[in-house]
């Protein structure tokens, strides 16, 4: 069985979506549920900005959901493109935030997520857009 180049590219966009959604979900749950004192062990700014931690958890969760659910269900799949754009913006903000705090070491993972989100943005907006369920040919 031979897989086409296009098939591999489509798979790679789905893989990028999952590579963002799974860790974002875990990070979101952690930021939303873990006591701030415990969270501060791994997130140095958690006690300085407690409200921001919880808001970022909610944003991470929305990004994770938006990255997969609309594309998977084909209900408003354009929301996946917007989720990818939001994740790119979030990662740019995270990189700037960490750099201003002297935490350059923390930006490498943000850069990886930024590149993955940019790939999903391009892949779902230009190369492999998902046809909404209501517009799919019968």
N, C-alpha and C. Protein backbone atom coordinates (compact mmCIF):
# COMPACT_ATOMS: atom_id res chain seq x y z
N UNK A 1 0.84 -1.18 0.00
CA UNK A 1 0.00 0.00 0.00
C UNK A 1 0.89 1.24 0.00
N UNK A 2 0.67 2.06 -0.99
CA UNK A 2 1.49 3.26 -1.13
C UNK A 2 0.64 4.48 -0.76
N UNK A 3 1.21 5.32 0.08
CA UNK A 3 0.51 6.54 0.50
C UNK A 3 1.03 7.69 -0.36
N UNK A 4 0.10 8.49 -0.88
CA UNK A 4 0.49 9.60 -1.74
C UNK A 4 1.14 10.72 -0.92
N UNK A 5 1.86 11.54 -1.64
CA UNK A 5 2.50 12.70 -1.01
C UNK A 5 1.44 13.61 -0.38
N UNK A 6 0.33 13.80 -1.09
CA UNK A 6 -0.75 14.64 -0.57
C UNK A 6 -1.36 14.02 0.69
N UNK A 7 -1.49 12.71 0.68
CA UNK A 7 -2.02 12.02 1.86
C UNK A 7 -1.11 12.23 3.07
N UNK A 8 0.20 12.18 2.85
CA UNK A 8 1.15 12.42 3.95
C UNK A 8 1.07 13.86 4.44
N UNK A 9 0.89 14.79 3.51
CA UNK A 9 0.78 16.19 3.91
C UNK A 9 -0.50 16.43 4.72
N UNK A 10 -1.60 15.84 4.30
CA UNK A 10 -2.85 15.97 5.06
C UNK A 10 -2.68 15.39 6.46
N UNK A 11 -2.03 14.22 6.51
CA UNK A 11 -1.76 13.59 7.80
C UNK A 11 -0.89 14.48 8.68
N UNK A 12 0.10 15.14 8.07
CA UNK A 12 1.01 15.99 8.85
C UNK A 12 0.28 17.19 9.46
N UNK A 13 -0.72 17.71 8.76
CA UNK A 13 -1.50 18.82 9.33
C UNK A 13 -2.31 18.32 10.51
N UNK A 14 -2.95 17.17 10.36
CA UNK A 14 -3.70 16.58 11.49
C UNK A 14 -2.75 16.30 12.66
N UNK A 15 -1.57 15.79 12.36
CA UNK A 15 -0.60 15.49 13.41
C UNK A 15 -0.20 16.77 14.15
N UNK A 16 0.02 17.84 13.42
CA UNK A 16 0.37 19.13 14.04
C UNK A 16 -0.77 19.61 14.93
N UNK A 17 -2.01 19.44 14.47
CA UNK A 17 -3.16 19.83 15.27
C UNK A 17 -3.18 19.06 16.60
N UNK A 18 -2.93 17.78 16.52
CA UNK A 18 -2.93 16.94 17.72
C UNK A 18 -1.74 17.27 18.61
N UNK A 19 -0.60 17.56 18.00
CA UNK A 19 0.60 17.90 18.78
C UNK A 19 0.43 19.21 19.54
N UNK A 20 -0.49 20.03 19.12
CA UNK A 20 -0.83 21.25 19.86
C UNK A 20 -1.93 20.96 20.87
N UNK A 21 -2.98 20.28 20.43
CA UNK A 21 -4.17 20.09 21.27
C UNK A 21 -3.90 19.27 22.52
N UNK A 22 -3.15 18.20 22.41
CA UNK A 22 -2.93 17.33 23.57
C UNK A 22 -2.17 18.04 24.69
N UNK A 23 -0.99 18.62 24.41
CA UNK A 23 -0.30 19.30 25.50
C UNK A 23 -1.03 20.56 25.99
N UNK A 24 -1.68 21.29 25.08
CA UNK A 24 -2.43 22.46 25.51
C UNK A 24 -3.54 22.07 26.47
N UNK A 25 -4.18 20.92 26.24
CA UNK A 25 -5.22 20.45 27.14
C UNK A 25 -4.64 20.16 28.52
N UNK A 26 -3.52 19.44 28.54
CA UNK A 26 -2.87 19.13 29.81
C UNK A 26 -2.41 20.37 30.55
N UNK A 27 -1.83 21.30 29.83
CA UNK A 27 -1.36 22.55 30.44
C UNK A 27 -2.55 23.35 30.96
N UNK A 28 -3.63 23.37 30.20
CA UNK A 28 -4.83 24.11 30.60
C UNK A 28 -5.41 23.54 31.89
N UNK A 29 -5.53 22.23 31.94
CA UNK A 29 -6.08 21.60 33.14
C UNK A 29 -5.20 21.90 34.35
N UNK A 30 -3.91 21.85 34.14
CA UNK A 30 -2.98 22.16 35.22
C UNK A 30 -3.15 23.61 35.69
N UNK A 31 -3.19 24.55 34.76
CA UNK A 31 -3.32 25.97 35.12
C UNK A 31 -4.68 26.29 35.75
N UNK A 32 -5.70 25.53 35.37
CA UNK A 32 -7.04 25.80 35.89
C UNK A 32 -7.33 25.12 37.22
N UNK A 33 -6.65 24.02 37.52
CA UNK A 33 -7.03 23.24 38.70
C UNK A 33 -5.98 23.16 39.80
N UNK A 34 -4.73 23.27 39.45
CA UNK A 34 -3.66 23.10 40.43
C UNK A 34 -3.58 24.31 41.36
N UNK A 35 -3.38 24.10 42.64
CA UNK A 35 -3.18 25.23 43.55
C UNK A 35 -1.96 26.06 43.09
N UNK A 36 -2.08 27.37 43.19
CA UNK A 36 -1.03 28.26 42.68
C UNK A 36 0.33 28.01 43.32
N UNK A 37 0.34 27.66 44.59
CA UNK A 37 1.61 27.40 45.27
C UNK A 37 2.32 26.21 44.63
N UNK A 38 1.58 25.16 44.32
CA UNK A 38 2.16 24.00 43.64
C UNK A 38 2.57 24.36 42.21
N UNK A 39 1.74 25.11 41.54
CA UNK A 39 2.00 25.50 40.17
C UNK A 39 3.27 26.34 40.06
N UNK A 40 3.54 27.14 41.09
CA UNK A 40 4.71 28.03 41.08
C UNK A 40 6.03 27.27 41.01
N UNK A 41 6.03 25.99 41.38
CA UNK A 41 7.25 25.19 41.29
C UNK A 41 7.71 25.05 39.84
N UNK A 42 6.78 24.97 38.91
CA UNK A 42 7.13 24.83 37.50
C UNK A 42 6.87 26.06 36.67
N UNK A 43 5.99 26.93 37.17
CA UNK A 43 5.64 28.17 36.47
C UNK A 43 6.04 29.32 37.40
N UNK A 44 7.27 29.84 37.23
CA UNK A 44 7.81 30.79 38.19
C UNK A 44 6.95 32.05 38.43
N UNK A 45 6.15 32.44 37.47
CA UNK A 45 5.38 33.68 37.58
C UNK A 45 3.97 33.45 38.11
N UNK A 46 3.63 32.22 38.48
CA UNK A 46 2.26 31.89 38.89
C UNK A 46 1.78 32.70 40.10
N UNK A 47 2.64 32.90 41.07
CA UNK A 47 2.23 33.66 42.26
C UNK A 47 2.22 35.16 42.01
N UNK A 48 3.00 35.62 41.05
CA UNK A 48 3.01 37.05 40.72
C UNK A 48 1.75 37.46 39.95
N UNK A 49 1.27 36.58 39.11
CA UNK A 49 0.13 36.87 38.24
C UNK A 49 -0.91 35.75 38.33
N UNK A 50 -1.54 35.59 39.49
CA UNK A 50 -2.47 34.46 39.66
C UNK A 50 -3.68 34.49 38.73
N UNK A 51 -4.21 35.67 38.47
CA UNK A 51 -5.36 35.76 37.57
C UNK A 51 -4.93 35.41 36.15
N UNK A 52 -3.76 35.87 35.76
CA UNK A 52 -3.26 35.57 34.42
C UNK A 52 -3.08 34.06 34.23
N UNK A 53 -2.65 33.36 35.27
CA UNK A 53 -2.48 31.90 35.17
C UNK A 53 -3.80 31.24 34.81
N UNK A 54 -4.86 31.62 35.51
CA UNK A 54 -6.17 31.01 35.27
C UNK A 54 -6.73 31.42 33.90
N UNK A 55 -6.55 32.68 33.52
CA UNK A 55 -7.02 33.14 32.20
C UNK A 55 -6.26 32.41 31.10
N UNK A 56 -4.95 32.26 31.27
CA UNK A 56 -4.16 31.56 30.27
C UNK A 56 -4.57 30.09 30.19
N UNK A 57 -4.96 29.50 31.31
CA UNK A 57 -5.46 28.13 31.28
C UNK A 57 -6.71 28.02 30.43
N UNK A 58 -7.62 28.98 30.59
CA UNK A 58 -8.85 28.98 29.79
C UNK A 58 -8.55 29.19 28.31
N UNK A 59 -7.62 30.09 28.01
CA UNK A 59 -7.23 30.34 26.62
C UNK A 59 -6.57 29.10 26.02
N UNK A 60 -5.70 28.45 26.78
CA UNK A 60 -5.06 27.22 26.31
C UNK A 60 -6.11 26.15 26.00
N UNK A 61 -7.10 26.01 26.87
CA UNK A 61 -8.15 25.00 26.66
C UNK A 61 -8.97 25.33 25.41
N UNK A 62 -9.33 26.60 25.24
CA UNK A 62 -10.07 26.98 24.04
C UNK A 62 -9.25 26.74 22.77
N UNK A 63 -7.95 27.02 22.84
CA UNK A 63 -7.08 26.76 21.69
C UNK A 63 -7.02 25.28 21.36
N UNK A 64 -6.91 24.44 22.39
CA UNK A 64 -6.86 23.00 22.17
C UNK A 64 -8.14 22.48 21.55
N UNK A 65 -9.27 22.94 22.07
CA UNK A 65 -10.56 22.51 21.53
C UNK A 65 -10.72 23.00 20.10
N UNK A 66 -10.40 24.26 19.87
CA UNK A 66 -10.54 24.84 18.53
C UNK A 66 -9.60 24.24 17.50
N UNK A 67 -8.49 23.71 17.97
CA UNK A 67 -7.51 23.12 17.07
C UNK A 67 -8.02 21.82 16.45
N UNK A 68 -8.89 21.10 17.17
CA UNK A 68 -9.30 19.78 16.70
C UNK A 68 -10.80 19.65 16.43
N UNK A 69 -11.61 20.08 17.36
CA UNK A 69 -13.05 19.78 17.30
C UNK A 69 -13.76 20.29 16.04
N UNK A 70 -13.59 21.55 15.64
CA UNK A 70 -14.29 22.00 14.43
C UNK A 70 -13.86 21.24 13.17
N UNK A 71 -12.58 20.93 13.08
CA UNK A 71 -12.09 20.19 11.91
C UNK A 71 -12.57 18.74 11.94
N UNK A 72 -12.58 18.16 13.12
CA UNK A 72 -12.99 16.76 13.25
C UNK A 72 -14.47 16.56 12.95
N UNK A 73 -15.29 17.47 13.45
CA UNK A 73 -16.74 17.35 13.24
C UNK A 73 -17.19 17.95 11.92
N UNK A 74 -16.33 18.76 11.31
CA UNK A 74 -16.65 19.50 10.09
C UNK A 74 -17.80 20.48 10.32
N UNK A 75 -18.02 20.86 11.56
CA UNK A 75 -18.99 21.91 11.90
C UNK A 75 -18.19 23.18 12.17
N UNK A 76 -18.35 24.16 11.33
CA UNK A 76 -17.58 25.40 11.39
C UNK A 76 -16.07 25.14 11.40
N UNK A 77 -15.56 24.38 10.42
CA UNK A 77 -14.13 24.05 10.43
C UNK A 77 -13.22 25.27 10.28
N UNK A 78 -13.76 26.39 9.84
CA UNK A 78 -12.96 27.61 9.78
C UNK A 78 -12.49 28.06 11.15
N UNK A 79 -13.17 27.60 12.19
CA UNK A 79 -12.73 27.93 13.55
C UNK A 79 -11.36 27.34 13.87
N UNK A 80 -11.01 26.24 13.19
CA UNK A 80 -9.67 25.67 13.39
C UNK A 80 -8.60 26.63 12.89
N UNK A 81 -8.88 27.30 11.78
CA UNK A 81 -7.94 28.31 11.27
C UNK A 81 -7.80 29.43 12.29
N UNK A 82 -8.93 29.89 12.84
CA UNK A 82 -8.88 30.96 13.84
C UNK A 82 -8.19 30.50 15.12
N UNK A 83 -8.37 29.26 15.50
CA UNK A 83 -7.67 28.72 16.67
C UNK A 83 -6.17 28.71 16.43
N UNK A 84 -5.77 28.34 15.21
CA UNK A 84 -4.35 28.34 14.87
C UNK A 84 -3.78 29.76 14.91
N UNK A 85 -4.53 30.72 14.38
CA UNK A 85 -4.09 32.12 14.43
C UNK A 85 -3.96 32.57 15.89
N UNK A 86 -4.94 32.20 16.70
CA UNK A 86 -4.89 32.53 18.13
C UNK A 86 -3.70 31.91 18.82
N UNK A 87 -3.37 30.67 18.47
CA UNK A 87 -2.21 30.01 19.08
C UNK A 87 -0.90 30.67 18.65
N UNK A 88 -0.84 31.10 17.40
CA UNK A 88 0.35 31.84 16.94
C UNK A 88 0.50 33.12 17.77
N UNK A 89 -0.59 33.87 17.90
CA UNK A 89 -0.55 35.11 18.68
C UNK A 89 -0.19 34.84 20.14
N UNK A 90 -0.77 33.79 20.70
CA UNK A 90 -0.48 33.42 22.08
C UNK A 90 1.00 33.11 22.26
N UNK A 91 1.58 32.38 21.33
CA UNK A 91 2.99 32.01 21.45
C UNK A 91 3.90 33.22 21.26
N UNK A 92 3.53 34.14 20.38
CA UNK A 92 4.32 35.38 20.24
C UNK A 92 4.30 36.14 21.56
N UNK A 93 3.12 36.26 22.16
CA UNK A 93 3.00 36.94 23.46
C UNK A 93 3.80 36.22 24.54
N UNK A 94 3.75 34.88 24.54
CA UNK A 94 4.49 34.10 25.53
C UNK A 94 6.00 34.31 25.38
N UNK A 95 6.46 34.33 24.14
CA UNK A 95 7.90 34.55 23.91
C UNK A 95 8.31 35.92 24.41
N UNK A 96 7.54 36.94 24.08
CA UNK A 96 7.85 38.30 24.54
C UNK A 96 7.83 38.36 26.07
N UNK A 97 6.80 37.76 26.68
CA UNK A 97 6.68 37.74 28.13
C UNK A 97 7.91 37.11 28.77
N UNK A 98 8.29 35.92 28.28
CA UNK A 98 9.44 35.23 28.88
C UNK A 98 10.75 36.00 28.65
N UNK A 99 10.91 36.59 27.48
CA UNK A 99 12.13 37.36 27.21
C UNK A 99 12.23 38.57 28.11
N UNK A 100 11.10 39.25 28.36
CA UNK A 100 11.15 40.44 29.24
C UNK A 100 11.43 40.05 30.68
N UNK A 101 11.17 38.82 31.05
CA UNK A 101 11.44 38.34 32.41
C UNK A 101 12.82 37.68 32.53
N UNK A 102 13.58 37.68 31.43
CA UNK A 102 14.90 37.05 31.45
C UNK A 102 14.82 35.53 31.44
N UNK A 103 13.73 34.99 30.90
CA UNK A 103 13.53 33.54 30.85
C UNK A 103 13.65 33.03 29.42
N UNK A 104 14.73 33.40 28.76
CA UNK A 104 14.92 32.99 27.36
C UNK A 104 14.89 31.48 27.22
N UNK A 105 15.33 30.77 28.23
CA UNK A 105 15.32 29.31 28.20
C UNK A 105 13.92 28.74 27.99
N UNK A 106 12.89 29.49 28.37
CA UNK A 106 11.51 28.99 28.28
C UNK A 106 10.90 29.22 26.90
N UNK A 107 11.59 29.91 26.03
CA UNK A 107 10.98 30.28 24.75
C UNK A 107 11.08 29.20 23.68
N UNK A 108 11.94 28.22 23.86
CA UNK A 108 12.12 27.21 22.81
C UNK A 108 10.84 26.41 22.58
N UNK A 109 10.15 26.02 23.64
CA UNK A 109 8.90 25.27 23.46
C UNK A 109 7.82 26.16 22.85
N UNK A 110 7.82 27.45 23.23
CA UNK A 110 6.87 28.38 22.62
C UNK A 110 7.12 28.51 21.12
N UNK A 111 8.38 28.51 20.73
CA UNK A 111 8.73 28.62 19.31
C UNK A 111 8.26 27.37 18.55
N UNK A 112 8.39 26.22 19.16
CA UNK A 112 7.93 24.98 18.52
C UNK A 112 6.42 25.04 18.31
N UNK A 113 5.68 25.44 19.37
CA UNK A 113 4.22 25.55 19.24
C UNK A 113 3.84 26.62 18.23
N UNK A 114 4.59 27.71 18.17
CA UNK A 114 4.32 28.76 17.20
C UNK A 114 4.44 28.21 15.78
N UNK A 115 5.51 27.47 15.52
CA UNK A 115 5.72 26.91 14.18
C UNK A 115 4.65 25.87 13.84
N UNK A 116 4.27 25.04 14.80
CA UNK A 116 3.21 24.07 14.57
C UNK A 116 1.89 24.77 14.26
N UNK A 117 1.57 25.80 15.05
CA UNK A 117 0.32 26.54 14.83
C UNK A 117 0.32 27.27 13.49
N UNK A 118 1.47 27.82 13.11
CA UNK A 118 1.57 28.48 11.80
C UNK A 118 1.37 27.46 10.68
N UNK A 119 1.88 26.27 10.86
CA UNK A 119 1.70 25.20 9.86
C UNK A 119 0.22 24.82 9.76
N UNK A 120 -0.45 24.69 10.90
CA UNK A 120 -1.89 24.37 10.88
C UNK A 120 -2.65 25.52 10.22
N UNK A 121 -2.31 26.74 10.55
CA UNK A 121 -2.95 27.92 9.96
C UNK A 121 -2.85 27.83 8.43
N UNK A 122 -1.64 27.65 7.93
CA UNK A 122 -1.44 27.54 6.48
C UNK A 122 -2.15 26.31 5.92
N UNK A 123 -1.98 25.19 6.59
CA UNK A 123 -2.54 23.94 6.09
C UNK A 123 -4.05 23.96 5.99
N UNK A 124 -4.71 24.52 7.00
CA UNK A 124 -6.18 24.53 7.00
C UNK A 124 -6.76 25.73 6.27
N UNK A 125 -6.01 26.80 6.13
CA UNK A 125 -6.52 27.98 5.42
C UNK A 125 -6.25 27.89 3.91
N UNK A 126 -5.12 27.32 3.53
CA UNK A 126 -4.71 27.37 2.12
C UNK A 126 -4.61 25.99 1.46
N UNK A 127 -3.92 25.09 2.07
CA UNK A 127 -3.57 23.84 1.40
C UNK A 127 -4.65 22.76 1.52
N UNK A 128 -5.13 22.52 2.71
CA UNK A 128 -6.10 21.45 2.94
C UNK A 128 -7.28 21.94 3.78
N UNK A 129 -8.02 22.92 3.27
CA UNK A 129 -9.18 23.37 4.04
C UNK A 129 -10.20 22.24 4.17
N UNK A 130 -10.88 22.22 5.28
CA UNK A 130 -11.90 21.20 5.50
C UNK A 130 -13.24 21.76 5.09
N UNK A 131 -13.94 21.01 4.27
CA UNK A 131 -15.25 21.45 3.77
C UNK A 131 -16.28 21.26 4.90
N UNK A 132 -17.03 22.32 5.19
CA UNK A 132 -18.05 22.17 6.23
C UNK A 132 -19.06 21.08 5.85
N UNK A 133 -19.59 20.44 6.86
CA UNK A 133 -20.52 19.34 6.65
C UNK A 133 -21.70 19.74 5.76
N UNK A 134 -22.23 20.94 5.94
CA UNK A 134 -23.39 21.36 5.18
C UNK A 134 -23.08 21.63 3.71
N UNK A 135 -21.82 21.85 3.37
CA UNK A 135 -21.44 22.15 1.99
C UNK A 135 -20.84 20.96 1.27
N UNK A 136 -20.67 19.87 1.96
CA UNK A 136 -20.05 18.69 1.35
C UNK A 136 -20.97 18.11 0.28
N UNK A 137 -20.38 17.71 -0.83
CA UNK A 137 -21.15 17.14 -1.94
C UNK A 137 -21.67 15.76 -1.53
N UNK A 138 -22.86 15.50 -1.97
CA UNK A 138 -23.48 14.19 -1.66
C UNK A 138 -23.13 13.20 -2.73
